[in-house]
Structures are given as C-alpha cells and as structure tokens.
Amino acid sequence: MNPLDAGRTIAGVDGCKAGWIAVALAPAGTITATVFPTFTALIDALPADAVIAVDMPIGLPDFTEPGGRGPERLVRRFLGERQSSVFSIPSRAALYAFTEPFTTVERWYQGHRLASEAARATSDPPRGVSIQAYGIFPKIREIDTLLVARAELRSRVIESHPEVAFWRLNDRQAMRLPKKVKGQVNPVGMDERRALLVSLGLTHAFAHAAPPRGAAADDYLDASALVFIAARHARGEAEPFPNPPAVDGIGNPVAIWA
C-alpha cells in the first residue's frame, strides 16, 4: 500500500512566518503546498472531511509537572538525540496570561513576563516560559479557540510532531542527523529526511521544491512529513501518545499522533 493512500484529502500543517503552511494531497493524487494567514482559512480551504495533522500543541494542561504534558514525556524516549525538539508546553493560564498583539518589543517582553509568572504559579517545581514556547503562543491559542468554537474538528485535526513523524516513518528509528544546528538549517539533516519521504512515495520534485513564499525550507519539509501521519490517521492506523488520548479541561484532545 502507498503510505499516502487515504481515500480523502489529507494535509500536513506547520506554523510558518506568514501563518500556516499546508501540504495537502487530494484523493486524485494532486499535491500542493500553500501558505494561509490563519488556521481558520486553512480549514475552510480544504474539504469538509479532510484529515489534518499539525505540528502545534492541542490540549492544554491546568497544571504542569517536569517534562511537560503526558504526550511530550511519552514521545521523547523514542527520539534519542532528537528529543530536545519536543519542548514542554506550560499551563492554559500561562498561554492566556497575555493575548494582545506584539506591537512593540516592550510589549513582547511584558507578555513573556506575565506568561512566565502564570506558568510558575501553575507548575511544580515552578518554571517559567521558554522563549521558544512563548513565540508560538498565538498559534497555540488560535487552534485552541477554533476547536472550542468548532468541536466537530476535534476528530480530524490532530496534533503530531515532525521528529515523531520521522521516527514512525523510519521504522521507529530516530533520524541520525539534526535538522538544525545552532538554529540554522543543517543541509545533510534535511537531505536525510527528504530521502526518507521520497522512499515512501513523495515525489523527488516535490520534496526538493522551494517552499512557497512565507514559509521556510524546514517548515515545508515538516509539513510534508506530517501529511503521512494524516494518511495514517485517515486509515485508522495512527497511534496516539497517550493511548487512548487524554482530554483537557475544556474538552480538547491531548495526544501526539504518529
């Protein structure tokens, strides 16, 4: 079986500078990469039964312990030297401590300070918010609020993670080479991942194409990997961590799928 066969539209999605990049594969075999300004626009552009795997936390804890949510603690053990790519998500209170746009550097630092204060008050031992996590707070809130407003999406918009996806697609072996080194794209690590996706059915031309404007090369590659997880989920083959998935305090699912 072609790992991309799903019987309906599937999409892998990653956050990017301009919003969200979606690699979508239609049942007819047409594959596209598109950048959308909002997650809602992305959802509305796809068929109503499309399965979407997104590299963004879904389901927020009320209180955090060392290692983050259950999904993060469960999947890190599979990734070896790549486990640092899975970072911990703080509490819902921290995510919503500051929701105003980052109009100035001062406001950005103010928001980070407030989020860290809320995170420390809702964690044991007390822990603030990393810069990496804080940078994606608006995108986490975007999906969080959408899944509350449109609860029917919960069954077909699933959380995944690129390195967990590559682990699963690579016969449950973590990738040997890092995708980034000191914040910069690592060409040999990117090529290792592209070769795997091509061996599984992604065309060489698509795997090596330039990303659409507004997305980086690693965003494009990650979204391409996640489309395979969306296909697995559409066929009923994807595995959630934890299994069965947990549910957060407002009803959103809590699991990383592979």
C-alpha atoms as a PDB file:
ATOM      1  CA  MET A   1       0.000   0.000   0.000  1.00  0.00           C
ATOM      2  CA  ASN A   2       1.154   3.513  -0.788  1.00  0.00           C
ATOM      3  CA  PRO A   3       1.672   5.206   2.614  1.00  0.00           C
ATOM      4  CA  LEU A   4      -0.088   8.283   1.226  1.00  0.00           C
ATOM      5  CA  ASP A   5      -3.292   6.473   0.226  1.00  0.00           C
ATOM      6  CA  ALA A   6      -6.124   7.740   2.404  1.00  0.00           C
ATOM      7  CA  GLY A   7      -9.328   7.842   0.352  1.00  0.00           C
ATOM      8  CA  ARG A   8      -9.873  11.506   1.124  1.00  0.00           C
ATOM      9  CA  THR A   9      -7.913  14.746   1.296  1.00  0.00           C
ATOM     10  CA  ILE A  10      -5.119  14.754   3.845  1.00  0.00           C
ATOM     11  CA  ALA A  11      -2.857  17.582   4.940  1.00  0.00           C
ATOM     12  CA  GLY A  12       0.283  18.115   6.974  1.00  0.00           C
ATOM     13  CA  VAL A  13       0.495  21.553   8.550  1.00  0.00           C
ATOM     14  CA  ASP A  14       3.212  23.561  10.245  1.00  0.00           C
ATOM     15  CA  GLY A  15       3.349  27.093  11.540  1.00  0.00           C
ATOM     16  CA  CYS A  16       5.470  29.475   9.486  1.00  0.00           C
ATOM     17  CA  LYS A  17       6.411  33.141   9.388  1.00  0.00           C
ATOM     18  CA  ALA A  18       3.408  34.107   7.245  1.00  0.00           C
ATOM     19  CA  GLY A  19       0.917  31.939   9.139  1.00  0.00           C
ATOM     20  CA  TRP A  20       0.499  28.248   8.334  1.00  0.00           C
ATOM     21  CA  ILE A  21       1.878  26.057   5.564  1.00  0.00           C
ATOM     22  CA  ALA A  22      -0.297  23.133   4.464  1.00  0.00           C
ATOM     23  CA  VAL A  23       0.930  20.303   2.284  1.00  0.00           C
ATOM     24  CA  ALA A  24      -2.336  18.801   1.028  1.00  0.00           C
ATOM     25  CA  LEU A  25      -2.873  15.660  -1.008  1.00  0.00           C
ATOM     26  CA  ALA A  26      -6.205  15.109  -2.789  1.00  0.00           C
ATOM     27  CA  PRO A  27      -7.602  11.611  -3.493  1.00  0.00           C
ATOM     28  CA  ALA A  28      -6.785  12.119  -7.176  1.00  0.00           C
ATOM     29  CA  GLY A  29      -3.108  12.426  -6.271  1.00  0.00           C
ATOM     30  CA  THR A  30      -2.668  16.166  -6.669  1.00  0.00           C
ATOM     31  CA  ILE A  31      -0.311  17.534  -4.027  1.00  0.00           C
ATOM     32  CA  THR A  32       0.042  21.207  -3.188  1.00  0.00           C
ATOM     33  CA  ALA A  33       1.853  23.416  -0.707  1.00  0.00           C
ATOM     34  CA  THR A  34       0.013  26.578   0.320  1.00  0.00           C
ATOM     35  CA  VAL A  35       0.544  29.246   2.960  1.00  0.00           C
ATOM     36  CA  PHE A  36      -2.558  30.517   4.772  1.00  0.00           C
ATOM     37  CA  PRO A  37      -2.702  33.589   7.031  1.00  0.00           C
ATOM     38  CA  THR A  38      -4.909  31.860   9.622  1.00  0.00           C
ATOM     39  CA  PHE A  39      -5.736  28.318  10.642  1.00  0.00           C
ATOM     40  CA  THR A  40      -9.410  29.007  10.023  1.00  0.00           C
ATOM     41  CA  ALA A  41      -8.646  29.998   6.432  1.00  0.00           C
ATOM     42  CA  LEU A  42      -6.704  26.770   6.030  1.00  0.00           C
ATOM     43  CA  ILE A  43      -9.584  24.667   7.379  1.00  0.00           C
ATOM     44  CA  ASP A  44     -12.124  26.407   5.175  1.00  0.00           C
ATOM     45  CA  ALA A  45      -9.991  25.900   2.046  1.00  0.00           C
ATOM     46  CA  LEU A  46      -9.952  22.110   2.458  1.00  0.00           C
ATOM     47  CA  PRO A  47     -12.820  19.631   2.009  1.00  0.00           C
ATOM     48  CA  ALA A  48     -15.109  19.171   4.990  1.00  0.00           C
ATOM     49  CA  ASP A  49     -13.781  15.646   5.625  1.00  0.00           C
ATOM     50  CA  ALA A  50     -10.055  16.410   5.264  1.00  0.00           C
ATOM     51  CA  VAL A  51      -7.763  14.947   7.926  1.00  0.00           C
ATOM     52  CA  ILE A  52      -5.134  17.398   9.131  1.00  0.00           C
ATOM     53  CA  ALA A  53      -2.009  16.632  11.154  1.00  0.00           C
ATOM     54  CA  VAL A  54      -0.496  19.789  12.617  1.00  0.00           C
ATOM     55  CA  ASP A  55       2.760  20.487  14.395  1.00  0.00           C
ATOM     56  CA  MET A  56       1.237  22.514  17.196  1.00  0.00           C
ATOM     57  CA  PRO A  57       0.141  21.552  20.726  1.00  0.00           C
ATOM     58  CA  ILE A  58      -3.546  20.734  21.068  1.00  0.00           C
ATOM     59  CA  GLY A  59      -4.982  20.370  24.556  1.00  0.00           C
ATOM     60  CA  LEU A  60      -3.571  22.483  27.373  1.00  0.00           C
ATOM     61  CA  PRO A  61      -2.868  21.439  30.967  1.00  0.00           C
ATOM     62  CA  ASP A  62      -4.183  23.276  34.005  1.00  0.00           C
ATOM     63  CA  PHE A  63      -1.022  22.375  35.933  1.00  0.00           C
ATOM     64  CA  THR A  64       2.359  21.142  34.718  1.00  0.00           C
ATOM     65  CA  GLU A  65       4.986  18.816  36.135  1.00  0.00           C
ATOM     66  CA  PRO A  66       8.568  18.125  34.977  1.00  0.00           C
ATOM     67  CA  GLY A  67       8.697  17.054  31.354  1.00  0.00           C
ATOM     68  CA  GLY A  68       5.525  18.842  30.268  1.00  0.00           C
ATOM     69  CA  ARG A  69       2.278  17.186  29.259  1.00  0.00           C
ATOM     70  CA  GLY A  70       1.945  13.430  29.069  1.00  0.00           C
ATOM     71  CA  PRO A  71       2.446  13.367  25.267  1.00  0.00           C
ATOM     72  CA  GLU A  72       5.821  15.096  25.472  1.00  0.00           C
ATOM     73  CA  ARG A  73       7.075  12.770  28.182  1.00  0.00           C
ATOM     74  CA  LEU A  74       5.953   9.709  26.231  1.00  0.00           C
ATOM     75  CA  VAL A  75       7.459  10.535  22.832  1.00  0.00           C
ATOM     76  CA  ARG A  76      10.833  11.913  23.908  1.00  0.00           C
ATOM     77  CA  ARG A  77      12.067   8.434  24.802  1.00  0.00           C
ATOM     78  CA  PHE A  78      11.841   7.406  21.139  1.00  0.00           C
ATOM     79  CA  LEU A  79      13.921  10.233  19.729  1.00  0.00           C
ATOM     80  CA  GLY A  80      17.379   9.812  21.221  1.00  0.00           C
ATOM     81  CA  GLU A  81      19.482  12.863  20.385  1.00  0.00           C
ATOM     82  CA  ARG A  82      16.474  14.438  18.669  1.00  0.00           C
ATOM     83  CA  GLN A  83      14.388  14.558  21.860  1.00  0.00           C
ATOM     84  CA  SER A  84      15.235  18.200  22.568  1.00  0.00           C
ATOM     85  CA  SER A  85      12.989  19.114  19.617  1.00  0.00           C
ATOM     86  CA  VAL A  86       9.986  18.230  21.803  1.00  0.00           C
ATOM     87  CA  PHE A  87       9.637  21.094  24.242  1.00  0.00           C
ATOM     88  CA  SER A  88       7.246  21.351  27.157  1.00  0.00           C
ATOM     89  CA  ILE A  89       4.008  23.316  26.967  1.00  0.00           C
ATOM     90  CA  PRO A  90       3.036  25.375  30.036  1.00  0.00           C
ATOM     91  CA  SER A  91      -0.417  25.717  31.540  1.00  0.00           C
ATOM     92  CA  ARG A  92      -3.524  27.189  29.977  1.00  0.00           C
ATOM     93  CA  ALA A  93      -3.244  30.115  32.410  1.00  0.00           C
ATOM     94  CA  ALA A  94       0.227  30.891  31.030  1.00  0.00           C
ATOM     95  CA  LEU A  95      -0.968  30.648  27.419  1.00  0.00           C
ATOM     96  CA  TYR A  96      -3.729  33.179  28.081  1.00  0.00           C
ATOM     97  CA  ALA A  97      -1.906  35.481  30.511  1.00  0.00           C
ATOM     98  CA  PHE A  98      -1.226  37.977  27.722  1.00  0.00           C
ATOM     99  CA  THR A  99      -3.178  37.864  24.473  1.00  0.00           C
ATOM    100  CA  GLU A 100      -2.526  41.269  22.948  1.00  0.00           C
ATOM    101  CA  PRO A 101      -0.573  41.597  19.672  1.00  0.00           C
ATOM    102  CA  PHE A 102       3.199  42.009  19.948  1.00  0.00           C
ATOM    103  CA  THR A 103       3.164  45.617  18.737  1.00  0.00           C
ATOM    104  CA  THR A 104       6.482  46.593  20.323  1.00  0.00           C
ATOM    105  CA  VAL A 105       9.496  44.856  21.807  1.00  0.00           C
ATOM    106  CA  GLU A 106       8.492  46.191  25.218  1.00  0.00           C
ATOM    107  CA  ARG A 107       5.033  44.643  24.914  1.00  0.00           C
ATOM    108  CA  TRP A 108       6.597  41.362  23.852  1.00  0.00           C
ATOM    109  CA  TYR A 109       8.774  41.307  26.987  1.00  0.00           C
ATOM    110  CA  GLN A 110       5.821  42.326  29.125  1.00  0.00           C
ATOM    111  CA  GLY A 111       3.787  39.440  27.737  1.00  0.00           C
ATOM    112  CA  HIS A 112       6.628  36.985  28.302  1.00  0.00           C
ATOM    113  CA  ARG A 113       6.974  38.157  31.885  1.00  0.00           C
ATOM    114  CA  LEU A 114       3.259  37.760  32.593  1.00  0.00           C
ATOM    115  CA  ALA A 115       3.178  34.338  30.940  1.00  0.00           C
ATOM    116  CA  SER A 116       6.169  33.205  32.977  1.00  0.00           C
ATOM    117  CA  GLU A 117       4.569  34.414  36.195  1.00  0.00           C
ATOM    118  CA  ALA A 118       1.415  32.437  35.402  1.00  0.00           C
ATOM    119  CA  ALA A 119       3.466  29.389  34.409  1.00  0.00           C
ATOM    120  CA  ARG A 120       5.425  29.423  37.664  1.00  0.00           C
ATOM    121  CA  ALA A 121       2.192  29.665  39.660  1.00  0.00           C
ATOM    122  CA  THR A 122       0.810  26.589  37.878  1.00  0.00           C
ATOM    123  CA  SER A 123       3.802  24.243  37.865  1.00  0.00           C
ATOM    124  CA  ASP A 124       5.754  22.120  40.329  1.00  0.00           C
ATOM    125  CA  PRO A 125       8.585  22.831  40.588  1.00  0.00           C
ATOM    126  CA  PRO A 126       7.833  26.417  39.482  1.00  0.00           C
ATOM    127  CA  ARG A 127       9.037  27.019  35.950  1.00  0.00           C
ATOM    128  CA  GLY A 128       8.735  29.986  33.607  1.00  0.00           C
ATOM    129  CA  VAL A 129       8.130  30.014  29.864  1.00  0.00           C
ATOM    130  CA  SER A 130      10.901  29.362  27.363  1.00  0.00           C
ATOM    131  CA  ILE A 131      11.407  31.873  24.566  1.00  0.00           C
ATOM    132  CA  GLN A 132      10.758  29.126  22.000  1.00  0.00           C
ATOM    133  CA  ALA A 133       7.437  28.180  23.528  1.00  0.00           C
ATOM    134  CA  TYR A 134       6.332  31.792  24.010  1.00  0.00           C
ATOM    135  CA  GLY A 135       6.922  32.564  20.353  1.00  0.00           C
ATOM    136  CA  ILE A 136       4.223  30.130  19.268  1.00  0.00           C
ATOM    137  CA  PHE A 137       1.641  31.040  21.927  1.00  0.00           C
ATOM    138  CA  PRO A 138      -0.567  32.949  19.448  1.00  0.00           C
ATOM    139  CA  LYS A 139      -0.698  29.928  17.132  1.00  0.00           C
ATOM    140  CA  ILE A 140      -1.496  27.556  20.009  1.00  0.00           C
ATOM    141  CA  ARG A 141      -4.345  29.846  21.091  1.00  0.00           C
ATOM    142  CA  GLU A 142      -5.572  30.066  17.500  1.00  0.00           C
ATOM    143  CA  ILE A 143      -6.115  26.300  17.284  1.00  0.00           C
ATOM    144  CA  ASP A 144      -7.315  26.054  20.879  1.00  0.00           C
ATOM    145  CA  THR A 145     -10.123  28.567  20.383  1.00  0.00           C
ATOM    146  CA  LEU A 146     -11.059  27.157  16.971  1.00  0.00           C
ATOM    147  CA  LEU A 147     -11.525  23.640  18.363  1.00  0.00           C
ATOM    148  CA  VAL A 148     -13.797  25.033  21.065  1.00  0.00           C
ATOM    149  CA  ALA A 149     -15.871  27.005  18.567  1.00  0.00           C
ATOM    150  CA  ARG A 150     -15.992  24.130  16.078  1.00  0.00           C
ATOM    151  CA  ALA A 151     -15.828  20.987  18.198  1.00  0.00           C
ATOM    152  CA  GLU A 152     -16.549  18.791  15.179  1.00  0.00           C
ATOM    153  CA  LEU A 153     -12.974  19.439  14.046  1.00  0.00           C
ATOM    154  CA  ARG A 154     -11.538  17.564  17.018  1.00  0.00           C
ATOM    155  CA  SER A 155     -11.909  14.216  15.277  1.00  0.00           C
ATOM    156  CA  ARG A 156      -9.949  15.207  12.169  1.00  0.00           C
ATOM    157  CA  VAL A 157      -7.462  17.877  13.306  1.00  0.00           C
ATOM    158  CA  ILE A 158      -4.763  16.025  15.197  1.00  0.00           C
ATOM    159  CA  GLU A 159      -1.531  17.043  16.874  1.00  0.00           C
ATOM    160  CA  SER A 160       1.655  15.471  15.619  1.00  0.00           C
ATOM    161  CA  HIS A 161       5.347  16.368  15.714  1.00  0.00           C
ATOM    162  CA  PRO A 162       7.822  16.248  12.816  1.00  0.00           C
ATOM    163  CA  GLU A 163      10.555  14.280  14.576  1.00  0.00           C
ATOM    164  CA  VAL A 164       7.993  11.834  15.954  1.00  0.00           C
ATOM    165  CA  ALA A 165       6.604  11.504  12.434  1.00  0.00           C
ATOM    166  CA  PHE A 166      10.062  10.815  11.001  1.00  0.00           C
ATOM    167  CA  TRP A 167      10.677   8.280  13.785  1.00  0.00           C
ATOM    168  CA  ARG A 168       7.490   6.426  12.904  1.00  0.00           C
ATOM    169  CA  LEU A 169       8.102   6.604   9.146  1.00  0.00           C
ATOM    170  CA  ASN A 170      11.699   5.430   9.642  1.00  0.00           C
ATOM    171  CA  ASP A 171      10.617   2.078  11.141  1.00  0.00           C
ATOM    172  CA  ARG A 172      10.555   3.537  14.628  1.00  0.00           C
ATOM    173  CA  GLN A 173      14.135   4.749  14.466  1.00  0.00           C
ATOM    174  CA  ALA A 174      15.077   8.349  15.246  1.00  0.00           C
ATOM    175  CA  MET A 175      16.785  10.265  12.471  1.00  0.00           C
ATOM    176  CA  ARG A 176      20.555  10.176  12.719  1.00  0.00           C
ATOM    177  CA  LEU A 177      21.275  13.791  11.861  1.00  0.00           C
ATOM    178  CA  PRO A 178      19.825  17.001  13.309  1.00  0.00           C
ATOM    179  CA  LYS A 179      17.592  19.109  11.101  1.00  0.00           C
ATOM    180  CA  LYS A 180      19.058  22.272  12.583  1.00  0.00           C
ATOM    181  CA  VAL A 181      22.366  23.144  14.218  1.00  0.00           C
ATOM    182  CA  LYS A 182      22.503  26.220  16.443  1.00  0.00           C
ATOM    183  CA  GLY A 183      19.247  27.483  14.946  1.00  0.00           C
ATOM    184  CA  GLN A 184      20.408  27.117  11.344  1.00  0.00           C
ATOM    185  CA  VAL A 185      19.149  24.558   8.838  1.00  0.00           C
ATOM    186  CA  ASN A 186      21.504  21.578   8.570  1.00  0.00           C
ATOM    187  CA  PRO A 187      21.610  20.561   4.869  1.00  0.00           C
ATOM    188  CA  VAL A 188      22.629  16.942   5.481  1.00  0.00           C
ATOM    189  CA  GLY A 189      19.898  16.504   8.082  1.00  0.00           C
ATOM    190  CA  MET A 190      17.341  17.929   5.682  1.00  0.00           C
ATOM    191  CA  ASP A 191      18.561  15.602   2.918  1.00  0.00           C
ATOM    192  CA  GLU A 192      18.300  12.584   5.220  1.00  0.00           C
ATOM    193  CA  ARG A 193      14.655  13.389   5.850  1.00  0.00           C
ATOM    194  CA  ARG A 194      13.860  14.199   2.224  1.00  0.00           C
ATOM    195  CA  ALA A 195      15.323  10.850   1.136  1.00  0.00           C
ATOM    196  CA  LEU A 196      13.080   9.028   3.600  1.00  0.00           C
ATOM    197  CA  LEU A 197       9.938  10.795   2.374  1.00  0.00           C
ATOM    198  CA  VAL A 198      10.832  10.116  -1.266  1.00  0.00           C
ATOM    199  CA  SER A 199      11.398   6.429  -0.477  1.00  0.00           C
ATOM    200  CA  LEU A 200       7.854   6.332   0.935  1.00  0.00           C
ATOM    201  CA  GLY A 201       6.148   7.879  -2.065  1.00  0.00           C
ATOM    202  CA  LEU A 202       6.659  11.634  -2.063  1.00  0.00           C
ATOM    203  CA  THR A 203       7.957  12.701  -5.453  1.00  0.00           C
ATOM    204  CA  HIS A 204      11.561  13.826  -5.676  1.00  0.00           C
ATOM    205  CA  ALA A 205      10.463  17.055  -7.376  1.00  0.00           C
ATOM    206  CA  PHE A 206       8.032  17.950  -4.603  1.00  0.00           C
ATOM    207  CA  ALA A 207      10.444  17.015  -1.805  1.00  0.00           C
ATOM    208  CA  HIS A 208      13.169  19.232  -3.269  1.00  0.00           C
ATOM    209  CA  ALA A 209      10.996  22.134  -4.404  1.00  0.00           C
ATOM    210  CA  ALA A 210      11.369  25.595  -2.916  1.00  0.00           C
ATOM    211  CA  PRO A 211       8.796  26.364  -0.225  1.00  0.00           C
ATOM    212  CA  PRO A 212       6.010  28.821  -1.007  1.00  0.00           C
ATOM    213  CA  ARG A 213       6.598  32.432  -0.044  1.00  0.00           C
ATOM    214  CA  GLY A 214       6.194  32.988   3.686  1.00  0.00           C
ATOM    215  CA  ALA A 215       7.436  29.537   4.710  1.00  0.00           C
ATOM    216  CA  ALA A 216      10.963  28.272   5.324  1.00  0.00           C
ATOM    217  CA  ALA A 217      12.503  25.100   3.911  1.00  0.00           C
ATOM    218  CA  ASP A 218      12.205  23.262   7.237  1.00  0.00           C
ATOM    219  CA  ASP A 219       8.527  24.279   7.578  1.00  0.00           C
ATOM    220  CA  TYR A 220       7.893  22.800   4.122  1.00  0.00           C
ATOM    221  CA  LEU A 221       9.729  19.591   4.985  1.00  0.00           C
ATOM    222  CA  ASP A 222       7.926  19.189   8.318  1.00  0.00           C
ATOM    223  CA  ALA A 223       4.513  19.699   6.720  1.00  0.00           C
ATOM    224  CA  SER A 224       5.456  17.128   4.077  1.00  0.00           C
ATOM    225  CA  ALA A 225       6.243  14.575   6.792  1.00  0.00           C
ATOM    226  CA  LEU A 226       3.014  15.247   8.650  1.00  0.00           C
ATOM    227  CA  VAL A 227       0.891  14.502   5.592  1.00  0.00           C
ATOM    228  CA  PHE A 228       1.960  10.865   6.031  1.00  0.00           C
ATOM    229  CA  ILE A 229       0.644  10.916   9.614  1.00  0.00           C
ATOM    230  CA  ALA A 230      -2.625  12.409   8.391  1.00  0.00           C
ATOM    231  CA  ALA A 231      -2.864   9.500   5.936  1.00  0.00           C
ATOM    232  CA  ARG A 232      -2.224   7.013   8.738  1.00  0.00           C
ATOM    233  CA  HIS A 233      -4.950   8.625  10.824  1.00  0.00           C
ATOM    234  CA  ALA A 234      -7.426   8.601   7.931  1.00  0.00           C
ATOM    235  CA  ARG A 235      -6.833   4.848   7.550  1.00  0.00           C
ATOM    236  CA  GLY A 236      -7.223   4.251  11.289  1.00  0.00           C
ATOM    237  CA  GLU A 237      -3.561   3.258  11.679  1.00  0.00           C
ATOM    238  CA  ALA A 238      -2.068   6.209  13.568  1.00  0.00           C
ATOM    239  CA  GLU A 239      -1.030   5.666  17.182  1.00  0.00           C
ATOM    240  CA  PRO A 240      -1.717   8.292  19.861  1.00  0.00           C
ATOM    241  CA  PHE A 241       0.564   9.021  22.795  1.00  0.00           C
ATOM    242  CA  PRO A 242      -1.009   8.544  25.295  1.00  0.00           C
ATOM    243  CA  ASN A 243      -3.305   5.782  24.138  1.00  0.00           C
ATOM    244  CA  PRO A 244      -6.166   6.463  24.492  1.00  0.00           C
ATOM    245  CA  PRO A 245      -5.796  10.238  24.157  1.00  0.00           C
ATOM    246  CA  ALA A 246      -6.445  12.370  27.212  1.00  0.00           C
ATOM    247  CA  VAL A 247      -8.831  15.333  27.275  1.00  0.00           C
ATOM    248  CA  ASP A 248      -8.067  18.770  28.692  1.00  0.00           C
ATOM    249  CA  GLY A 249     -10.303  20.864  30.923  1.00  0.00           C
ATOM    250  CA  ILE A 250     -12.311  22.323  28.038  1.00  0.00           C
ATOM    251  CA  GLY A 251     -12.720  19.133  26.041  1.00  0.00           C
ATOM    252  CA  ASN A 252      -9.861  19.352  23.545  1.00  0.00           C
ATOM    253  CA  PRO A 253      -7.929  16.106  22.968  1.00  0.00           C
ATOM    254  CA  VAL A 254      -4.404  15.692  24.342  1.00  0.00           C
ATOM    255  CA  ALA A 255      -2.197  13.352  22.314  1.00  0.00           C
ATOM    256  CA  ILE A 256       0.696  13.355  19.864  1.00  0.00           C
ATOM    257  CA  TRP A 257      -0.123  11.056  16.937  1.00  0.00           C
ATOM    258  CA  ALA A 258       2.351   9.016  14.920  1.00  0.00           C
END
